[in-house]
Amino acid sequence: ERETLARERDNLVGILDAMSDCVIIGDRDWHILYTNPAMRAEYGPPNGQACHEYLHCRGERCADCSFEAAANGGTSRWQFLSPVNARTYDVLDTHIHYPGNNVARLKIMRDITELQEAADRLRVANDTLEQRVIERTAQLGAANEALRASEERFRVALSGGRITVAHADTDLRYTWLYHPAPAAPIGDWLGRRDDELLPAREAQEMMALKREVVESGRGGRREMTLH
């Protein structure tokens, strides 16, 4: 039986030695029983230090020590910012039976510093983006309000005359129209072109003038008769 336990312990130590995560085993008196090579590479050899001295640079045990919870079969997981090397670790604490049927605490620490920094950068970027969206939405709202006010003033200015004013896109489709006495409801004109609304000859003349303006980028003026 003693040989079996020794083999099991050797197998366990072999596994822990091969792990890239930092591993430490301590007893009820906070003595360090084992550290794996990854732990020693980060923190150096324990040299008789207690757990709180080795990991936390404290002269007395931590008030929130998880040993009792681990000894009673509990498992805890938490993040630890090391005062030794300023790295951030994802920590798993659980119990393990050590020779002599003694209960010890097994602590596995995975370095997540880069992941944490990336998450922090992403959070800052998201916060910045959200703030920019809020600001841009407010700007667009103000611009739209100003545009509506300007359009209303324009309509009032036009209402005293007999002039027709329209806006068309590059496909020559009407997007806005003011007409003091339209032959058809203004809504029927929006989204349509002159060749869909006017007799063929009149539409041809009107669209020729509009194409000339769009292609040249300069204003144009022509006299024509619409029936």
C-alpha atoms as a PDB file:
ATOM      1  CA  GLU A   1       0.000   0.000   0.000  1.00  0.00           C
ATOM      2  CA  ARG A   2       2.858   2.331   0.860  1.00  0.00           C
ATOM      3  CA  GLU A   3       4.417   1.645  -2.542  1.00  0.00           C
ATOM      4  CA  THR A   4       1.088   2.314  -4.247  1.00  0.00           C
ATOM      5  CA  LEU A   5       0.744   5.679  -2.513  1.00  0.00           C
ATOM      6  CA  ALA A   6       4.329   6.531  -3.420  1.00  0.00           C
ATOM      7  CA  ARG A   7       3.684   5.719  -7.076  1.00  0.00           C
ATOM      8  CA  GLU A   8       0.497   7.791  -7.070  1.00  0.00           C
ATOM      9  CA  ARG A   9       2.348  10.687  -5.488  1.00  0.00           C
ATOM     10  CA  ASP A  10       5.155  10.415  -8.044  1.00  0.00           C
ATOM     11  CA  ASN A  11       2.615  10.344 -10.873  1.00  0.00           C
ATOM     12  CA  LEU A  12       0.891  13.413  -9.462  1.00  0.00           C
ATOM     13  CA  VAL A  13       4.155  15.283  -9.065  1.00  0.00           C
ATOM     14  CA  GLY A  14       5.119  14.335 -12.624  1.00  0.00           C
ATOM     15  CA  ILE A  15       1.871  15.788 -13.916  1.00  0.00           C
ATOM     16  CA  LEU A  16       2.171  18.971 -11.859  1.00  0.00           C
ATOM     17  CA  ASP A  17       5.827  19.420 -12.871  1.00  0.00           C
ATOM     18  CA  ALA A  18       4.827  19.316 -16.536  1.00  0.00           C
ATOM     19  CA  MET A  19       2.081  21.934 -16.196  1.00  0.00           C
ATOM     20  CA  SER A  20       2.656  25.416 -17.642  1.00  0.00           C
ATOM     21  CA  ASP A  21       0.361  26.881 -14.959  1.00  0.00           C
ATOM     22  CA  CYS A  22       1.863  27.791 -11.588  1.00  0.00           C
ATOM     23  CA  VAL A  23       1.080  25.175  -8.905  1.00  0.00           C
ATOM     24  CA  ILE A  24       1.586  25.335  -5.149  1.00  0.00           C
ATOM     25  CA  ILE A  25       0.571  22.925  -2.366  1.00  0.00           C
ATOM     26  CA  GLY A  26       0.390  24.068   1.252  1.00  0.00           C
ATOM     27  CA  ASP A  27      -0.672  22.553   4.602  1.00  0.00           C
ATOM     28  CA  ARG A  28      -2.905  23.795   7.421  1.00  0.00           C
ATOM     29  CA  ASP A  29      -0.031  25.743   8.965  1.00  0.00           C
ATOM     30  CA  TRP A  30       0.514  27.586   5.652  1.00  0.00           C
ATOM     31  CA  HIS A  31       3.803  25.762   5.088  1.00  0.00           C
ATOM     32  CA  ILE A  32       4.615  25.256   1.419  1.00  0.00           C
ATOM     33  CA  LEU A  33       4.916  21.546   0.653  1.00  0.00           C
ATOM     34  CA  TYR A  34       5.486  21.759  -3.102  1.00  0.00           C
ATOM     35  CA  THR A  35       5.894  24.219  -5.976  1.00  0.00           C
ATOM     36  CA  ASN A  36       6.184  23.202  -9.601  1.00  0.00           C
ATOM     37  CA  PRO A  37       8.855  24.537 -11.990  1.00  0.00           C
ATOM     38  CA  ALA A  38       6.448  27.106 -13.500  1.00  0.00           C
ATOM     39  CA  MET A  39       5.785  28.541 -10.017  1.00  0.00           C
ATOM     40  CA  ARG A  40       9.469  28.672  -9.145  1.00  0.00           C
ATOM     41  CA  ALA A  41      10.229  30.385 -12.457  1.00  0.00           C
ATOM     42  CA  GLU A  42       7.772  33.161 -11.554  1.00  0.00           C
ATOM     43  CA  TYR A  43       8.321  33.460  -7.782  1.00  0.00           C
ATOM     44  CA  GLY A  44      11.601  31.711  -7.110  1.00  0.00           C
ATOM     45  CA  PRO A  45      12.075  28.851  -4.589  1.00  0.00           C
ATOM     46  CA  PRO A  46       9.981  29.153  -1.400  1.00  0.00           C
ATOM     47  CA  ASN A  47      13.031  28.826   0.897  1.00  0.00           C
ATOM     48  CA  GLY A  48      10.916  28.069   3.969  1.00  0.00           C
ATOM     49  CA  GLN A  49       8.506  30.940   3.475  1.00  0.00           C
ATOM     50  CA  ALA A  50       4.865  30.541   4.472  1.00  0.00           C
ATOM     51  CA  CYS A  51       2.215  30.820   1.775  1.00  0.00           C
ATOM     52  CA  HIS A  52       1.263  34.394   2.687  1.00  0.00           C
ATOM     53  CA  GLU A  53       4.914  35.450   2.624  1.00  0.00           C
ATOM     54  CA  TYR A  54       5.676  33.734  -0.670  1.00  0.00           C
ATOM     55  CA  LEU A  55       2.602  34.808  -2.629  1.00  0.00           C
ATOM     56  CA  HIS A  56       1.324  37.937  -0.901  1.00  0.00           C
ATOM     57  CA  CYS A  57       4.422  39.484   0.706  1.00  0.00           C
ATOM     58  CA  ARG A  58       2.594  39.527   4.054  1.00  0.00           C
ATOM     59  CA  GLY A  59       3.967  38.814   7.484  1.00  0.00           C
ATOM     60  CA  GLU A  60       0.755  37.181   8.682  1.00  0.00           C
ATOM     61  CA  ARG A  61      -1.820  34.964   7.055  1.00  0.00           C
ATOM     62  CA  CYS A  62      -4.458  36.496   4.787  1.00  0.00           C
ATOM     63  CA  ALA A  63      -7.794  37.337   6.383  1.00  0.00           C
ATOM     64  CA  ASP A  64      -9.608  35.802   3.419  1.00  0.00           C
ATOM     65  CA  CYS A  65      -7.487  32.625   3.295  1.00  0.00           C
ATOM     66  CA  SER A  66      -9.314  29.863   1.427  1.00  0.00           C
ATOM     67  CA  PHE A  67      -7.599  26.932   3.167  1.00  0.00           C
ATOM     68  CA  GLU A  68     -10.450  25.952   5.461  1.00  0.00           C
ATOM     69  CA  ALA A  69     -12.975  25.987   2.614  1.00  0.00           C
ATOM     70  CA  ALA A  70     -10.625  23.844   0.509  1.00  0.00           C
ATOM     71  CA  ALA A  71      -9.925  21.460   3.430  1.00  0.00           C
ATOM     72  CA  ASN A  72     -13.673  20.913   3.828  1.00  0.00           C
ATOM     73  CA  GLY A  73     -14.022  19.876   0.208  1.00  0.00           C
ATOM     74  CA  GLY A  74     -14.815  23.267  -1.259  1.00  0.00           C
ATOM     75  CA  THR A  75     -13.388  24.692  -4.472  1.00  0.00           C
ATOM     76  CA  SER A  76     -13.003  28.401  -5.121  1.00  0.00           C
ATOM     77  CA  ARG A  77     -11.992  30.338  -8.203  1.00  0.00           C
ATOM     78  CA  TRP A  78     -10.894  33.957  -8.188  1.00  0.00           C
ATOM     79  CA  GLN A  79      -8.557  36.484  -9.760  1.00  0.00           C
ATOM     80  CA  PHE A  80      -5.325  37.496  -8.093  1.00  0.00           C
ATOM     81  CA  LEU A  81      -3.152  40.529  -8.862  1.00  0.00           C
ATOM     82  CA  SER A  82       0.285  39.514  -7.648  1.00  0.00           C
ATOM     83  CA  PRO A  83       2.297  42.036  -5.614  1.00  0.00           C
ATOM     84  CA  VAL A  84       5.429  40.102  -6.561  1.00  0.00           C
ATOM     85  CA  ASN A  85       5.357  40.484 -10.333  1.00  0.00           C
ATOM     86  CA  ALA A  86       2.213  42.613 -11.003  1.00  0.00           C
ATOM     87  CA  ARG A  87       0.720  39.805 -13.113  1.00  0.00           C
ATOM     88  CA  THR A  88      -2.964  38.834 -13.025  1.00  0.00           C
ATOM     89  CA  TYR A  89      -3.851  35.178 -12.395  1.00  0.00           C
ATOM     90  CA  ASP A  90      -6.981  33.073 -12.629  1.00  0.00           C
ATOM     91  CA  VAL A  91      -6.692  31.028  -9.419  1.00  0.00           C
ATOM     92  CA  LEU A  92      -8.266  27.662  -8.553  1.00  0.00           C
ATOM     93  CA  ASP A  93      -8.111  26.478  -4.915  1.00  0.00           C
ATOM     94  CA  THR A  94      -9.116  22.935  -3.967  1.00  0.00           C
ATOM     95  CA  HIS A  95      -8.077  20.194  -1.524  1.00  0.00           C
ATOM     96  CA  ILE A  96      -5.712  17.295  -1.961  1.00  0.00           C
ATOM     97  CA  HIS A  97      -4.664  14.373   0.277  1.00  0.00           C
ATOM     98  CA  TYR A  98      -0.968  14.467   1.032  1.00  0.00           C
ATOM     99  CA  PRO A  99       1.151  11.637   2.556  1.00  0.00           C
ATOM    100  CA  GLY A 100      -0.023  10.605   6.003  1.00  0.00           C
ATOM    101  CA  ASN A 101      -3.629  11.182   4.922  1.00  0.00           C
ATOM    102  CA  ASN A 102      -3.164  14.881   5.658  1.00  0.00           C
ATOM    103  CA  VAL A 103      -5.349  17.392   3.854  1.00  0.00           C
ATOM    104  CA  ALA A 104      -3.484  20.064   1.899  1.00  0.00           C
ATOM    105  CA  ARG A 105      -4.547  22.865  -0.380  1.00  0.00           C
ATOM    106  CA  LEU A 106      -3.779  22.693  -4.076  1.00  0.00           C
ATOM    107  CA  LYS A 107      -3.574  26.089  -5.778  1.00  0.00           C
ATOM    108  CA  ILE A 108      -3.354  26.363  -9.568  1.00  0.00           C
ATOM    109  CA  MET A 109      -2.616  29.811 -11.010  1.00  0.00           C
ATOM    110  CA  ARG A 110      -3.017  30.617 -14.705  1.00  0.00           C
ATOM    111  CA  ASP A 111      -1.493  33.869 -15.968  1.00  0.00           C
ATOM    112  CA  ILE A 112      -4.236  35.868 -17.719  1.00  0.00           C
ATOM    113  CA  THR A 113      -2.492  39.243 -17.769  1.00  0.00           C
ATOM    114  CA  GLU A 114      -2.585  39.625 -21.561  1.00  0.00           C
ATOM    115  CA  LEU A 115      -6.202  38.453 -21.747  1.00  0.00           C
ATOM    116  CA  GLN A 116      -7.183  40.888 -18.985  1.00  0.00           C
ATOM    117  CA  GLU A 117      -5.377  43.752 -20.700  1.00  0.00           C
ATOM    118  CA  ALA A 118      -7.080  42.900 -24.009  1.00  0.00           C
ATOM    119  CA  ALA A 119     -10.465  42.786 -22.259  1.00  0.00           C
ATOM    120  CA  ASP A 120      -9.756  46.156 -20.639  1.00  0.00           C
ATOM    121  CA  ARG A 121      -8.787  47.679 -24.000  1.00  0.00           C
ATOM    122  CA  LEU A 122     -11.921  46.260 -25.600  1.00  0.00           C
ATOM    123  CA  ARG A 123     -14.089  47.637 -22.792  1.00  0.00           C
ATOM    124  CA  VAL A 124     -12.519  51.093 -23.172  1.00  0.00           C
ATOM    125  CA  ALA A 125     -12.990  50.935 -26.952  1.00  0.00           C
ATOM    126  CA  ASN A 126     -16.649  49.922 -26.528  1.00  0.00           C
ATOM    127  CA  ASP A 127     -17.235  52.719 -24.022  1.00  0.00           C
ATOM    128  CA  THR A 128     -15.585  55.211 -26.366  1.00  0.00           C
ATOM    129  CA  LEU A 129     -17.626  53.956 -29.321  1.00  0.00           C
ATOM    130  CA  GLU A 130     -20.867  54.161 -27.341  1.00  0.00           C
ATOM    131  CA  GLN A 131     -20.048  57.724 -26.304  1.00  0.00           C
ATOM    132  CA  ARG A 132     -19.277  58.681 -29.902  1.00  0.00           C
ATOM    133  CA  VAL A 133     -22.555  57.139 -31.065  1.00  0.00           C
ATOM    134  CA  ILE A 134     -24.445  59.120 -28.416  1.00  0.00           C
ATOM    135  CA  GLU A 135     -22.676  62.337 -29.422  1.00  0.00           C
ATOM    136  CA  ARG A 136     -23.179  61.678 -33.142  1.00  0.00           C
ATOM    137  CA  THR A 137     -26.851  60.856 -32.609  1.00  0.00           C
ATOM    138  CA  ALA A 138     -27.286  64.138 -30.748  1.00  0.00           C
ATOM    139  CA  GLN A 139     -25.488  66.002 -33.543  1.00  0.00           C
ATOM    140  CA  LEU A 140     -27.660  64.383 -36.208  1.00  0.00           C
ATOM    141  CA  GLY A 141     -30.776  65.154 -34.186  1.00  0.00           C
ATOM    142  CA  ALA A 142     -29.768  68.803 -33.941  1.00  0.00           C
ATOM    143  CA  ALA A 143     -28.890  68.890 -37.649  1.00  0.00           C
ATOM    144  CA  ASN A 144     -32.228  67.321 -38.608  1.00  0.00           C
ATOM    145  CA  GLU A 145     -34.080  69.817 -36.431  1.00  0.00           C
ATOM    146  CA  ALA A 146     -32.171  72.682 -38.027  1.00  0.00           C
ATOM    147  CA  LEU A 147     -32.924  71.244 -41.480  1.00  0.00           C
ATOM    148  CA  ARG A 148     -36.651  70.982 -40.692  1.00  0.00           C
ATOM    149  CA  ALA A 149     -36.676  74.566 -39.416  1.00  0.00           C
ATOM    150  CA  SER A 150     -34.809  75.750 -42.516  1.00  0.00           C
ATOM    151  CA  GLU A 151     -37.173  73.836 -44.786  1.00  0.00           C
ATOM    152  CA  GLU A 152     -40.180  75.348 -43.030  1.00  0.00           C
ATOM    153  CA  ARG A 153     -38.753  78.865 -43.451  1.00  0.00           C
ATOM    154  CA  PHE A 154     -38.131  78.055 -47.110  1.00  0.00           C
ATOM    155  CA  ARG A 155     -41.741  76.929 -47.555  1.00  0.00           C
ATOM    156  CA  VAL A 156     -43.011  80.094 -45.893  1.00  0.00           C
ATOM    157  CA  ALA A 157     -40.811  82.207 -48.173  1.00  0.00           C
ATOM    158  CA  LEU A 158     -42.131  80.371 -51.241  1.00  0.00           C
ATOM    159  CA  SER A 159     -45.763  80.472 -50.213  1.00  0.00           C
ATOM    160  CA  GLY A 160     -46.204  84.060 -51.362  1.00  0.00           C
ATOM    161  CA  GLY A 161     -45.273  83.346 -54.981  1.00  0.00           C
ATOM    162  CA  ARG A 162     -46.148  81.136 -57.919  1.00  0.00           C
ATOM    163  CA  ILE A 163     -42.766  79.413 -58.183  1.00  0.00           C
ATOM    164  CA  THR A 164     -42.271  75.645 -58.205  1.00  0.00           C
ATOM    165  CA  VAL A 165     -39.150  74.303 -56.480  1.00  0.00           C
ATOM    166  CA  ALA A 166     -38.020  70.671 -56.558  1.00  0.00           C
ATOM    167  CA  HIS A 167     -35.049  68.487 -55.636  1.00  0.00           C
ATOM    168  CA  ALA A 168     -34.086  65.354 -57.555  1.00  0.00           C
ATOM    169  CA  ASP A 169     -31.347  62.753 -57.059  1.00  0.00           C
ATOM    170  CA  THR A 170     -28.732  61.753 -59.642  1.00  0.00           C
ATOM    171  CA  ASP A 171     -31.249  59.330 -61.152  1.00  0.00           C
ATOM    172  CA  LEU A 172     -33.487  62.380 -61.690  1.00  0.00           C
ATOM    173  CA  ARG A 173     -36.134  61.107 -59.278  1.00  0.00           C
ATOM    174  CA  TYR A 174     -37.937  63.697 -57.172  1.00  0.00           C
ATOM    175  CA  THR A 175     -37.001  63.661 -53.470  1.00  0.00           C
ATOM    176  CA  TRP A 176     -38.644  66.976 -52.475  1.00  0.00           C
ATOM    177  CA  LEU A 177     -41.176  69.249 -54.177  1.00  0.00           C
ATOM    178  CA  TYR A 178     -42.958  72.520 -53.514  1.00  0.00           C
ATOM    179  CA  HIS A 179     -45.750  73.505 -55.886  1.00  0.00           C
ATOM    180  CA  PRO A 180     -48.411  76.070 -55.003  1.00  0.00           C
ATOM    181  CA  ALA A 181     -51.097  74.274 -57.027  1.00  0.00           C
ATOM    182  CA  PRO A 182     -49.915  70.816 -58.164  1.00  0.00           C
ATOM    183  CA  ALA A 183     -51.887  68.966 -60.790  1.00  0.00           C
ATOM    184  CA  ALA A 184     -51.523  65.850 -58.646  1.00  0.00           C
ATOM    185  CA  PRO A 185     -50.789  65.289 -54.908  1.00  0.00           C
ATOM    186  CA  ILE A 186     -47.124  66.018 -54.163  1.00  0.00           C
ATOM    187  CA  GLY A 187     -46.717  62.529 -52.718  1.00  0.00           C
ATOM    188  CA  ASP A 188     -47.391  61.113 -56.193  1.00  0.00           C
ATOM    189  CA  TRP A 189     -44.314  62.897 -57.537  1.00  0.00           C
ATOM    190  CA  LEU A 190     -41.801  61.721 -54.939  1.00  0.00           C
ATOM    191  CA  GLY A 191     -39.583  58.870 -56.094  1.00  0.00           C
ATOM    192  CA  ARG A 192     -40.654  59.306 -59.733  1.00  0.00           C
ATOM    193  CA  ARG A 193     -39.089  60.935 -62.805  1.00  0.00           C
ATOM    194  CA  ASP A 194     -40.464  63.385 -65.337  1.00  0.00           C
ATOM    195  CA  ASP A 195     -40.866  60.645 -67.949  1.00  0.00           C
ATOM    196  CA  GLU A 196     -43.244  58.921 -65.499  1.00  0.00           C
ATOM    197  CA  LEU A 197     -45.237  62.102 -64.836  1.00  0.00           C
ATOM    198  CA  LEU A 198     -45.233  64.349 -67.900  1.00  0.00           C
ATOM    199  CA  PRO A 199     -46.055  63.979 -71.593  1.00  0.00           C
ATOM    200  CA  ALA A 200     -43.125  62.558 -73.546  1.00  0.00           C
ATOM    201  CA  ARG A 201     -41.943  65.800 -75.223  1.00  0.00           C
ATOM    202  CA  GLU A 202     -42.101  67.866 -72.052  1.00  0.00           C
ATOM    203  CA  ALA A 203     -40.432  65.140 -70.042  1.00  0.00           C
ATOM    204  CA  GLN A 204     -37.633  64.860 -72.612  1.00  0.00           C
ATOM    205  CA  GLU A 205     -36.871  68.594 -72.432  1.00  0.00           C
ATOM    206  CA  MET A 206     -37.009  68.691 -68.643  1.00  0.00           C
ATOM    207  CA  MET A 207     -34.793  65.655 -68.196  1.00  0.00           C
ATOM    208  CA  ALA A 208     -32.268  66.891 -70.761  1.00  0.00           C
ATOM    209  CA  LEU A 209     -31.794  70.078 -68.736  1.00  0.00           C
ATOM    210  CA  LYS A 210     -31.418  68.111 -65.486  1.00  0.00           C
ATOM    211  CA  ARG A 211     -28.880  65.707 -67.017  1.00  0.00           C
ATOM    212  CA  GLU A 212     -26.858  68.659 -68.261  1.00  0.00           C
ATOM    213  CA  VAL A 213     -26.744  70.094 -64.742  1.00  0.00           C
ATOM    214  CA  VAL A 214     -25.804  66.751 -63.142  1.00  0.00           C
ATOM    215  CA  GLU A 215     -23.070  65.969 -65.690  1.00  0.00           C
ATOM    216  CA  SER A 216     -21.520  69.459 -65.778  1.00  0.00           C
ATOM    217  CA  GLY A 217     -21.889  70.302 -62.114  1.00  0.00           C
ATOM    218  CA  ARG A 218     -23.084  73.784 -63.126  1.00  0.00           C
ATOM    219  CA  GLY A 219     -26.486  75.401 -62.993  1.00  0.00           C
ATOM    220  CA  GLY A 220     -28.561  75.630 -66.145  1.00  0.00           C
ATOM    221  CA  ARG A 221     -31.479  77.708 -67.311  1.00  0.00           C
ATOM    222  CA  ARG A 222     -33.908  77.075 -70.136  1.00  0.00           C
ATOM    223  CA  GLU A 223     -37.351  78.303 -71.029  1.00  0.00           C
ATOM    224  CA  MET A 224     -39.935  75.632 -71.752  1.00  0.00           C
ATOM    225  CA  THR A 225     -43.696  75.285 -71.779  1.00  0.00           C
ATOM    226  CA  LEU A 226     -45.448  72.712 -69.646  1.00  0.00           C
ATOM    227  CA  HIS A 227     -49.103  71.869 -70.104  1.00  0.00           C
END
